[in-house]
Amino acid sequence: TLQVVIAFWLLALLLAWLVVRGLVRPLRNLAAQVANMEQPEPLSLPEAARRDEIGDVARAITHTHTTLHGEREQRARMEKMAVLGRMTTSLAHEIRNPIAAIKIHAQLWRDGSSQEAPQVIEGEAERIEGMLNQWMFLGLPEPPALHATDVGEMLDEVIHKHAAQFAHTGVTATVSKHGALKTKCDRQRLDHVFRNVVTNAIQAMPNGGNLDVCATAEGSTLTIVFTDTGKGFSTQALERY
């Protein structure tokens, strides 16, 4: 009887060991791999080769992991395409303004009514070149190049460069300056901002109007206000913002 009991318990231990080996360990490995679902690397699931329920679970986990990361990669590609589309649209909009200035001054040059047309055309071409360079190096943005700059002189230059467009649209521009307007800034980028604001103001007054630019320095604060007499946004447009 004792031998039978011992043999029974030995057989039970052997069966328990086989169960642990064949069931518990694979389940532990599956549980450990589920925690790695966020990782892009392929999962290590040798249990997927089994032809039982554990193999079905392992294959389901592998399929879910592949599908998840496939969808993430597709979404990332779509987001990149959307960003590229917005960048392209923005670049086209930015280039349209200097191209319009080049056309106007080319016409004035052909008519002989502007002696400054060649210089303006050259300046606008350099502006387009500068914008293209900025977009080319957008992936590796450079830090602002800060230099001591007289912002008042910058505003005068911007207004002067748009003189032909002012005359063509019947817009009168004035610049008022108060205080010491010298500060450290990235001249190229600030000039780009000023040009865009002035161009938008001209486009807002197709039938003529007034553009007033007021620059004021108070202590360490420099305030620049652009005011035009265009009709502005409609009530419906403002409700969408």
C-alpha atoms as a PDB file:
ATOM      1  CA  THR A   1       0.000   0.000   0.000  1.00  0.00           C
ATOM      2  CA  LEU A   2       2.840   2.380   0.880  1.00  0.00           C
ATOM      3  CA  GLN A   3       4.463   1.727  -2.476  1.00  0.00           C
ATOM      4  CA  VAL A   4       1.206   2.440  -4.256  1.00  0.00           C
ATOM      5  CA  VAL A   5       0.772   5.698  -2.346  1.00  0.00           C
ATOM      6  CA  ILE A   6       4.349   6.765  -3.110  1.00  0.00           C
ATOM      7  CA  ALA A   7       3.925   5.880  -6.766  1.00  0.00           C
ATOM      8  CA  PHE A   8       0.657   7.839  -6.829  1.00  0.00           C
ATOM      9  CA  TRP A   9       2.243  10.957  -5.397  1.00  0.00           C
ATOM     10  CA  LEU A  10       5.226  10.657  -7.714  1.00  0.00           C
ATOM     11  CA  LEU A  11       2.880  10.388 -10.672  1.00  0.00           C
ATOM     12  CA  ALA A  12       0.887  13.374  -9.387  1.00  0.00           C
ATOM     13  CA  LEU A  13       4.061  15.452  -9.052  1.00  0.00           C
ATOM     14  CA  LEU A  14       5.123  14.432 -12.556  1.00  0.00           C
ATOM     15  CA  LEU A  15       1.756  15.422 -13.961  1.00  0.00           C
ATOM     16  CA  ALA A  16       1.861  18.735 -12.073  1.00  0.00           C
ATOM     17  CA  TRP A  17       5.321  19.430 -13.444  1.00  0.00           C
ATOM     18  CA  LEU A  18       4.112  18.668 -16.965  1.00  0.00           C
ATOM     19  CA  VAL A  19       1.121  20.960 -16.489  1.00  0.00           C
ATOM     20  CA  VAL A  20       3.371  23.764 -15.261  1.00  0.00           C
ATOM     21  CA  ARG A  21       5.749  23.221 -18.142  1.00  0.00           C
ATOM     22  CA  GLY A  22       3.071  22.975 -20.786  1.00  0.00           C
ATOM     23  CA  LEU A  23       0.550  25.528 -19.545  1.00  0.00           C
ATOM     24  CA  VAL A  24       1.709  27.907 -16.831  1.00  0.00           C
ATOM     25  CA  ARG A  25       5.056  28.838 -18.377  1.00  0.00           C
ATOM     26  CA  PRO A  26       3.591  29.633 -21.821  1.00  0.00           C
ATOM     27  CA  LEU A  27       0.887  31.728 -20.176  1.00  0.00           C
ATOM     28  CA  ARG A  28       3.492  33.610 -18.189  1.00  0.00           C
ATOM     29  CA  ASN A  29       5.451  34.283 -21.384  1.00  0.00           C
ATOM     30  CA  LEU A  30       2.284  35.488 -23.143  1.00  0.00           C
ATOM     31  CA  ALA A  31       1.494  37.801 -20.246  1.00  0.00           C
ATOM     32  CA  ALA A  32       5.042  39.188 -20.347  1.00  0.00           C
ATOM     33  CA  GLN A  33       4.821  39.801 -24.101  1.00  0.00           C
ATOM     34  CA  VAL A  34       1.464  41.552 -23.805  1.00  0.00           C
ATOM     35  CA  ALA A  35       3.232  44.160 -21.682  1.00  0.00           C
ATOM     36  CA  ASN A  36       5.506  44.812 -24.704  1.00  0.00           C
ATOM     37  CA  MET A  37       2.641  45.576 -27.113  1.00  0.00           C
ATOM     38  CA  GLU A  38       3.706  49.241 -27.257  1.00  0.00           C
ATOM     39  CA  GLN A  39       7.190  48.320 -28.484  1.00  0.00           C
ATOM     40  CA  PRO A  40       7.672  48.367 -32.278  1.00  0.00           C
ATOM     41  CA  GLU A  41       9.988  45.331 -32.217  1.00  0.00           C
ATOM     42  CA  PRO A  42       8.379  41.975 -33.160  1.00  0.00           C
ATOM     43  CA  LEU A  43       7.152  39.917 -30.214  1.00  0.00           C
ATOM     44  CA  SER A  44       8.982  36.723 -29.265  1.00  0.00           C
ATOM     45  CA  LEU A  45       6.191  34.138 -29.058  1.00  0.00           C
ATOM     46  CA  PRO A  46       7.335  30.584 -29.734  1.00  0.00           C
ATOM     47  CA  GLU A  47       3.912  29.519 -28.452  1.00  0.00           C
ATOM     48  CA  ALA A  48       2.444  30.686 -31.775  1.00  0.00           C
ATOM     49  CA  ALA A  49       3.662  27.407 -33.308  1.00  0.00           C
ATOM     50  CA  ARG A  50       1.445  25.351 -30.991  1.00  0.00           C
ATOM     51  CA  ARG A  51      -1.778  23.846 -32.301  1.00  0.00           C
ATOM     52  CA  ASP A  52      -3.844  24.272 -29.158  1.00  0.00           C
ATOM     53  CA  GLU A  53      -5.677  27.092 -27.419  1.00  0.00           C
ATOM     54  CA  ILE A  54      -2.417  28.628 -26.192  1.00  0.00           C
ATOM     55  CA  GLY A  55      -1.177  28.769 -29.780  1.00  0.00           C
ATOM     56  CA  ASP A  56      -4.422  30.493 -30.820  1.00  0.00           C
ATOM     57  CA  VAL A  57      -3.936  33.102 -28.107  1.00  0.00           C
ATOM     58  CA  ALA A  58      -0.294  33.623 -29.101  1.00  0.00           C
ATOM     59  CA  ARG A  59      -1.199  34.100 -32.779  1.00  0.00           C
ATOM     60  CA  ALA A  60      -3.972  36.526 -31.834  1.00  0.00           C
ATOM     61  CA  ILE A  61      -1.509  38.576 -29.756  1.00  0.00           C
ATOM     62  CA  THR A  62       0.992  38.630 -32.634  1.00  0.00           C
ATOM     63  CA  HIS A  63      -1.688  39.698 -35.126  1.00  0.00           C
ATOM     64  CA  THR A  64      -2.917  42.453 -32.786  1.00  0.00           C
ATOM     65  CA  HIS A  65       0.641  43.737 -32.321  1.00  0.00           C
ATOM     66  CA  THR A  66       1.269  43.831 -36.087  1.00  0.00           C
ATOM     67  CA  THR A  67      -2.060  45.520 -36.821  1.00  0.00           C
ATOM     68  CA  LEU A  68      -1.583  48.094 -34.069  1.00  0.00           C
ATOM     69  CA  HIS A  69       1.813  49.230 -35.263  1.00  0.00           C
ATOM     70  CA  GLY A  70       0.750  49.095 -38.912  1.00  0.00           C
ATOM     71  CA  GLU A  71      -2.083  51.505 -38.160  1.00  0.00           C
ATOM     72  CA  ARG A  72       0.269  53.749 -36.186  1.00  0.00           C
ATOM     73  CA  GLU A  73       2.730  53.904 -39.073  1.00  0.00           C
ATOM     74  CA  GLN A  74      -0.080  54.683 -41.508  1.00  0.00           C
ATOM     75  CA  ARG A  75      -1.409  57.436 -39.244  1.00  0.00           C
ATOM     76  CA  ALA A  76       2.094  58.894 -38.890  1.00  0.00           C
ATOM     77  CA  ARG A  77       2.493  58.943 -42.691  1.00  0.00           C
ATOM     78  CA  MET A  78      -0.888  60.646 -43.081  1.00  0.00           C
ATOM     79  CA  GLU A  79       0.042  63.257 -40.474  1.00  0.00           C
ATOM     80  CA  LYS A  80       3.319  63.926 -42.266  1.00  0.00           C
ATOM     81  CA  MET A  81       1.479  64.356 -45.571  1.00  0.00           C
ATOM     82  CA  ALA A  82      -0.975  66.746 -43.916  1.00  0.00           C
ATOM     83  CA  VAL A  83       1.875  68.805 -42.457  1.00  0.00           C
ATOM     84  CA  LEU A  84       3.604  68.823 -45.848  1.00  0.00           C
ATOM     85  CA  GLY A  85       0.393  70.023 -47.480  1.00  0.00           C
ATOM     86  CA  ARG A  86       0.032  72.878 -44.990  1.00  0.00           C
ATOM     87  CA  MET A  87       3.674  73.814 -45.445  1.00  0.00           C
ATOM     88  CA  THR A  88       3.294  73.848 -49.232  1.00  0.00           C
ATOM     89  CA  THR A  89       0.183  76.013 -49.026  1.00  0.00           C
ATOM     90  CA  SER A  90       1.897  78.407 -46.633  1.00  0.00           C
ATOM     91  CA  LEU A  91       4.983  78.634 -48.823  1.00  0.00           C
ATOM     92  CA  ALA A  92       2.852  79.352 -51.898  1.00  0.00           C
ATOM     93  CA  HIS A  93       1.088  82.124 -49.986  1.00  0.00           C
ATOM     94  CA  GLU A  94       4.371  83.610 -48.790  1.00  0.00           C
ATOM     95  CA  ILE A  95       5.879  83.619 -52.284  1.00  0.00           C
ATOM     96  CA  ARG A  96       2.766  85.150 -53.864  1.00  0.00           C
ATOM     97  CA  ASN A  97       3.348  88.538 -52.202  1.00  0.00           C
ATOM     98  CA  PRO A  98       6.903  89.206 -53.511  1.00  0.00           C
ATOM     99  CA  ILE A  99       5.911  87.856 -56.929  1.00  0.00           C
ATOM    100  CA  ALA A 100       3.110  90.419 -57.067  1.00  0.00           C
ATOM    101  CA  ALA A 101       5.594  93.162 -56.170  1.00  0.00           C
ATOM    102  CA  ILE A 102       7.998  91.973 -58.879  1.00  0.00           C
ATOM    103  CA  LYS A 103       5.209  92.086 -61.474  1.00  0.00           C
ATOM    104  CA  ILE A 104       4.183  95.612 -60.508  1.00  0.00           C
ATOM    105  CA  HIS A 105       7.734  96.965 -60.571  1.00  0.00           C
ATOM    106  CA  ALA A 106       8.524  95.147 -63.817  1.00  0.00           C
ATOM    107  CA  GLN A 107       5.563  96.940 -65.400  1.00  0.00           C
ATOM    108  CA  LEU A 108       6.683 100.281 -63.963  1.00  0.00           C
ATOM    109  CA  TRP A 109      10.204  99.625 -65.228  1.00  0.00           C
ATOM    110  CA  ARG A 110       8.902  98.821 -68.699  1.00  0.00           C
ATOM    111  CA  ASP A 111       6.833 102.017 -68.697  1.00  0.00           C
ATOM    112  CA  GLY A 112       9.839 104.006 -67.495  1.00  0.00           C
ATOM    113  CA  SER A 113       7.876 105.433 -64.557  1.00  0.00           C
ATOM    114  CA  SER A 114      10.106 104.038 -61.815  1.00  0.00           C
ATOM    115  CA  GLN A 115      13.857 104.375 -61.463  1.00  0.00           C
ATOM    116  CA  GLU A 116      13.917 102.162 -58.373  1.00  0.00           C
ATOM    117  CA  ALA A 117      12.199  99.185 -60.021  1.00  0.00           C
ATOM    118  CA  PRO A 118      15.416  97.177 -60.644  1.00  0.00           C
ATOM    119  CA  GLN A 119      16.482  97.498 -57.003  1.00  0.00           C
ATOM    120  CA  VAL A 120      13.016  96.541 -55.753  1.00  0.00           C
ATOM    121  CA  ILE A 121      12.848  93.535 -58.099  1.00  0.00           C
ATOM    122  CA  GLU A 122      16.268  92.410 -56.932  1.00  0.00           C
ATOM    123  CA  GLY A 123      15.240  92.825 -53.306  1.00  0.00           C
ATOM    124  CA  GLU A 124      12.039  90.826 -53.767  1.00  0.00           C
ATOM    125  CA  ALA A 125      13.963  88.068 -55.558  1.00  0.00           C
ATOM    126  CA  GLU A 126      16.346  87.909 -52.593  1.00  0.00           C
ATOM    127  CA  ARG A 127      13.323  87.746 -50.308  1.00  0.00           C
ATOM    128  CA  ILE A 128      11.982  84.712 -52.199  1.00  0.00           C
ATOM    129  CA  GLU A 129      15.414  83.117 -52.038  1.00  0.00           C
ATOM    130  CA  GLY A 130      15.540  83.724 -48.294  1.00  0.00           C
ATOM    131  CA  MET A 131      12.113  82.158 -47.765  1.00  0.00           C
ATOM    132  CA  LEU A 132      13.079  79.102 -49.789  1.00  0.00           C
ATOM    133  CA  ASN A 133      16.229  78.712 -47.726  1.00  0.00           C
ATOM    134  CA  GLN A 134      14.175  78.898 -44.543  1.00  0.00           C
ATOM    135  CA  TRP A 135      11.850  76.164 -45.766  1.00  0.00           C
ATOM    136  CA  MET A 136      14.752  73.999 -46.899  1.00  0.00           C
ATOM    137  CA  PHE A 137      16.305  74.132 -43.450  1.00  0.00           C
ATOM    138  CA  LEU A 138      12.987  73.895 -41.616  1.00  0.00           C
ATOM    139  CA  GLY A 139      13.937  70.433 -40.397  1.00  0.00           C
ATOM    140  CA  LEU A 140      17.040  71.939 -38.769  1.00  0.00           C
ATOM    141  CA  PRO A 141      15.805  75.299 -37.502  1.00  0.00           C
ATOM    142  CA  GLU A 142      18.497  77.820 -36.733  1.00  0.00           C
ATOM    143  CA  PRO A 143      18.303  79.906 -33.547  1.00  0.00           C
ATOM    144  CA  PRO A 144      17.425  83.589 -33.971  1.00  0.00           C
ATOM    145  CA  ALA A 145      20.373  85.713 -35.069  1.00  0.00           C
ATOM    146  CA  LEU A 146      20.060  88.618 -32.646  1.00  0.00           C
ATOM    147  CA  HIS A 147      21.743  91.882 -33.582  1.00  0.00           C
ATOM    148  CA  ALA A 148      21.293  95.479 -32.497  1.00  0.00           C
ATOM    149  CA  THR A 149      18.724  96.933 -34.904  1.00  0.00           C
ATOM    150  CA  ASP A 150      16.897 100.211 -35.331  1.00  0.00           C
ATOM    151  CA  VAL A 151      13.310  99.009 -35.739  1.00  0.00           C
ATOM    152  CA  GLY A 152      12.217 102.478 -36.833  1.00  0.00           C
ATOM    153  CA  GLU A 153      14.565 102.371 -39.811  1.00  0.00           C
ATOM    154  CA  MET A 154      13.292  98.880 -40.630  1.00  0.00           C
ATOM    155  CA  LEU A 155       9.720 100.152 -40.754  1.00  0.00           C
ATOM    156  CA  ASP A 156      10.721 103.031 -43.018  1.00  0.00           C
ATOM    157  CA  GLU A 157      12.454 100.586 -45.374  1.00  0.00           C
ATOM    158  CA  VAL A 158       9.455  98.259 -45.477  1.00  0.00           C
ATOM    159  CA  ILE A 159       7.081 101.123 -46.248  1.00  0.00           C
ATOM    160  CA  HIS A 160       9.458 102.426 -48.921  1.00  0.00           C
ATOM    161  CA  LYS A 161       9.691  99.011 -50.598  1.00  0.00           C
ATOM    162  CA  HIS A 162       5.885  98.890 -50.864  1.00  0.00           C
ATOM    163  CA  ALA A 163       5.632 102.397 -52.357  1.00  0.00           C
ATOM    164  CA  ALA A 164       4.657 101.105 -55.795  1.00  0.00           C
ATOM    165  CA  GLN A 165       1.916  98.909 -54.339  1.00  0.00           C
ATOM    166  CA  PHE A 166       0.639 101.833 -52.267  1.00  0.00           C
ATOM    167  CA  ALA A 167       0.454 103.991 -55.382  1.00  0.00           C
ATOM    168  CA  HIS A 168      -1.201 101.228 -57.399  1.00  0.00           C
ATOM    169  CA  THR A 169      -3.975 100.646 -54.825  1.00  0.00           C
ATOM    170  CA  GLY A 170      -4.348 104.231 -53.630  1.00  0.00           C
ATOM    171  CA  VAL A 171      -3.172 103.517 -50.090  1.00  0.00           C
ATOM    172  CA  THR A 172      -1.480 106.208 -48.004  1.00  0.00           C
ATOM    173  CA  ALA A 173       1.017 104.970 -45.409  1.00  0.00           C
ATOM    174  CA  THR A 174       2.441 106.892 -42.478  1.00  0.00           C
ATOM    175  CA  VAL A 175       4.951 105.873 -39.817  1.00  0.00           C
ATOM    176  CA  SER A 176       5.148 107.512 -36.395  1.00  0.00           C
ATOM    177  CA  LYS A 177       7.983 106.726 -34.006  1.00  0.00           C
ATOM    178  CA  HIS A 178       8.268 107.481 -30.311  1.00  0.00           C
ATOM    179  CA  GLY A 179      11.261 106.796 -28.125  1.00  0.00           C
ATOM    180  CA  ALA A 180      14.485 104.871 -28.718  1.00  0.00           C
ATOM    181  CA  LEU A 181      13.535 102.037 -31.072  1.00  0.00           C
ATOM    182  CA  LYS A 182      16.869 100.220 -31.083  1.00  0.00           C
ATOM    183  CA  THR A 183      16.747  96.656 -29.810  1.00  0.00           C
ATOM    184  CA  LYS A 184      18.273  93.236 -30.388  1.00  0.00           C
ATOM    185  CA  CYS A 185      16.293  91.128 -32.830  1.00  0.00           C
ATOM    186  CA  ASP A 186      16.536  88.795 -35.805  1.00  0.00           C
ATOM    187  CA  ARG A 187      16.335  91.418 -38.530  1.00  0.00           C
ATOM    188  CA  GLN A 188      15.531  89.015 -41.354  1.00  0.00           C
ATOM    189  CA  ARG A 189      12.633  87.354 -39.562  1.00  0.00           C
ATOM    190  CA  LEU A 190      11.213  90.603 -38.200  1.00  0.00           C
ATOM    191  CA  ASP A 191      11.428  92.166 -41.652  1.00  0.00           C
ATOM    192  CA  HIS A 192       9.509  89.163 -42.980  1.00  0.00           C
ATOM    193  CA  VAL A 193       6.766  89.766 -40.408  1.00  0.00           C
ATOM    194  CA  PHE A 194       6.523  93.482 -41.199  1.00  0.00           C
ATOM    195  CA  ARG A 195       6.306  92.820 -44.934  1.00  0.00           C
ATOM    196  CA  ASN A 196       3.486  90.319 -44.491  1.00  0.00           C
ATOM    197  CA  VAL A 197       1.493  92.642 -42.243  1.00  0.00           C
ATOM    198  CA  VAL A 198       1.850  95.546 -44.687  1.00  0.00           C
ATOM    199  CA  THR A 199       0.926  93.335 -47.654  1.00  0.00           C
ATOM    200  CA  ASN A 200      -2.168  92.057 -45.829  1.00  0.00           C
ATOM    201  CA  ALA A 201      -3.172  95.633 -45.051  1.00  0.00           C
ATOM    202  CA  ILE A 202      -2.851  96.595 -48.739  1.00  0.00           C
ATOM    203  CA  GLN A 203      -4.949  93.599 -49.745  1.00  0.00           C
ATOM    204  CA  ALA A 204      -7.590  94.636 -47.192  1.00  0.00           C
ATOM    205  CA  MET A 205      -7.918  98.047 -48.905  1.00  0.00           C
ATOM    206  CA  PRO A 206      -8.277  97.279 -52.650  1.00  0.00           C
ATOM    207  CA  ASN A 207     -10.035 100.614 -53.228  1.00  0.00           C
ATOM    208  CA  GLY A 208      -7.555 102.710 -51.277  1.00  0.00           C
ATOM    209  CA  GLY A 209      -7.299 103.801 -47.669  1.00  0.00           C
ATOM    210  CA  ASN A 210      -4.861 104.674 -44.911  1.00  0.00           C
ATOM    211  CA  LEU A 211      -2.238 102.562 -43.180  1.00  0.00           C
ATOM    212  CA  ASP A 212      -0.825 103.956 -39.952  1.00  0.00           C
ATOM    213  CA  VAL A 213       2.190 102.334 -38.306  1.00  0.00           C
ATOM    214  CA  CYS A 214       3.021 103.479 -34.780  1.00  0.00           C
ATOM    215  CA  ALA A 215       6.184 102.312 -33.001  1.00  0.00           C
ATOM    216  CA  THR A 216       6.588 103.216 -29.324  1.00  0.00           C
ATOM    217  CA  ALA A 217       9.400 102.394 -26.894  1.00  0.00           C
ATOM    218  CA  GLU A 218       8.651 102.539 -23.181  1.00  0.00           C
ATOM    219  CA  GLY A 219      11.347 101.209 -20.899  1.00  0.00           C
ATOM    220  CA  SER A 220      12.151  97.658 -22.033  1.00  0.00           C
ATOM    221  CA  THR A 221       8.913  97.310 -24.027  1.00  0.00           C
ATOM    222  CA  LEU A 222       8.698  97.998 -27.757  1.00  0.00           C
ATOM    223  CA  THR A 223       5.165  98.178 -29.171  1.00  0.00           C
ATOM    224  CA  ILE A 224       4.373  98.324 -32.883  1.00  0.00           C
ATOM    225  CA  VAL A 225       0.764  98.836 -34.011  1.00  0.00           C
ATOM    226  CA  PHE A 226      -0.474  98.548 -37.612  1.00  0.00           C
ATOM    227  CA  THR A 227      -3.863 100.160 -38.263  1.00  0.00           C
ATOM    228  CA  ASP A 228      -5.621 100.155 -41.635  1.00  0.00           C
ATOM    229  CA  THR A 229      -9.006 101.421 -42.807  1.00  0.00           C
ATOM    230  CA  GLY A 230     -10.044  98.192 -44.472  1.00  0.00           C
ATOM    231  CA  LYS A 231     -13.476  96.763 -43.751  1.00  0.00           C
ATOM    232  CA  GLY A 232     -11.958  94.020 -41.575  1.00  0.00           C
ATOM    233  CA  PHE A 233     -13.512  90.663 -40.828  1.00  0.00           C
ATOM    234  CA  SER A 234     -17.232  90.192 -41.222  1.00  0.00           C
ATOM    235  CA  THR A 235     -19.370  89.245 -38.216  1.00  0.00           C
ATOM    236  CA  GLN A 236     -19.804  85.749 -39.645  1.00  0.00           C
ATOM    237  CA  ALA A 237     -16.047  85.323 -40.044  1.00  0.00           C
ATOM    238  CA  LEU A 238     -15.367  86.490 -36.491  1.00  0.00           C
ATOM    239  CA  GLU A 239     -17.887  83.972 -35.143  1.00  0.00           C
ATOM    240  CA  ARG A 240     -15.778  81.146 -36.570  1.00  0.00           C
ATOM    241  CA  TYR A 241     -12.723  82.118 -34.501  1.00  0.00           C
END
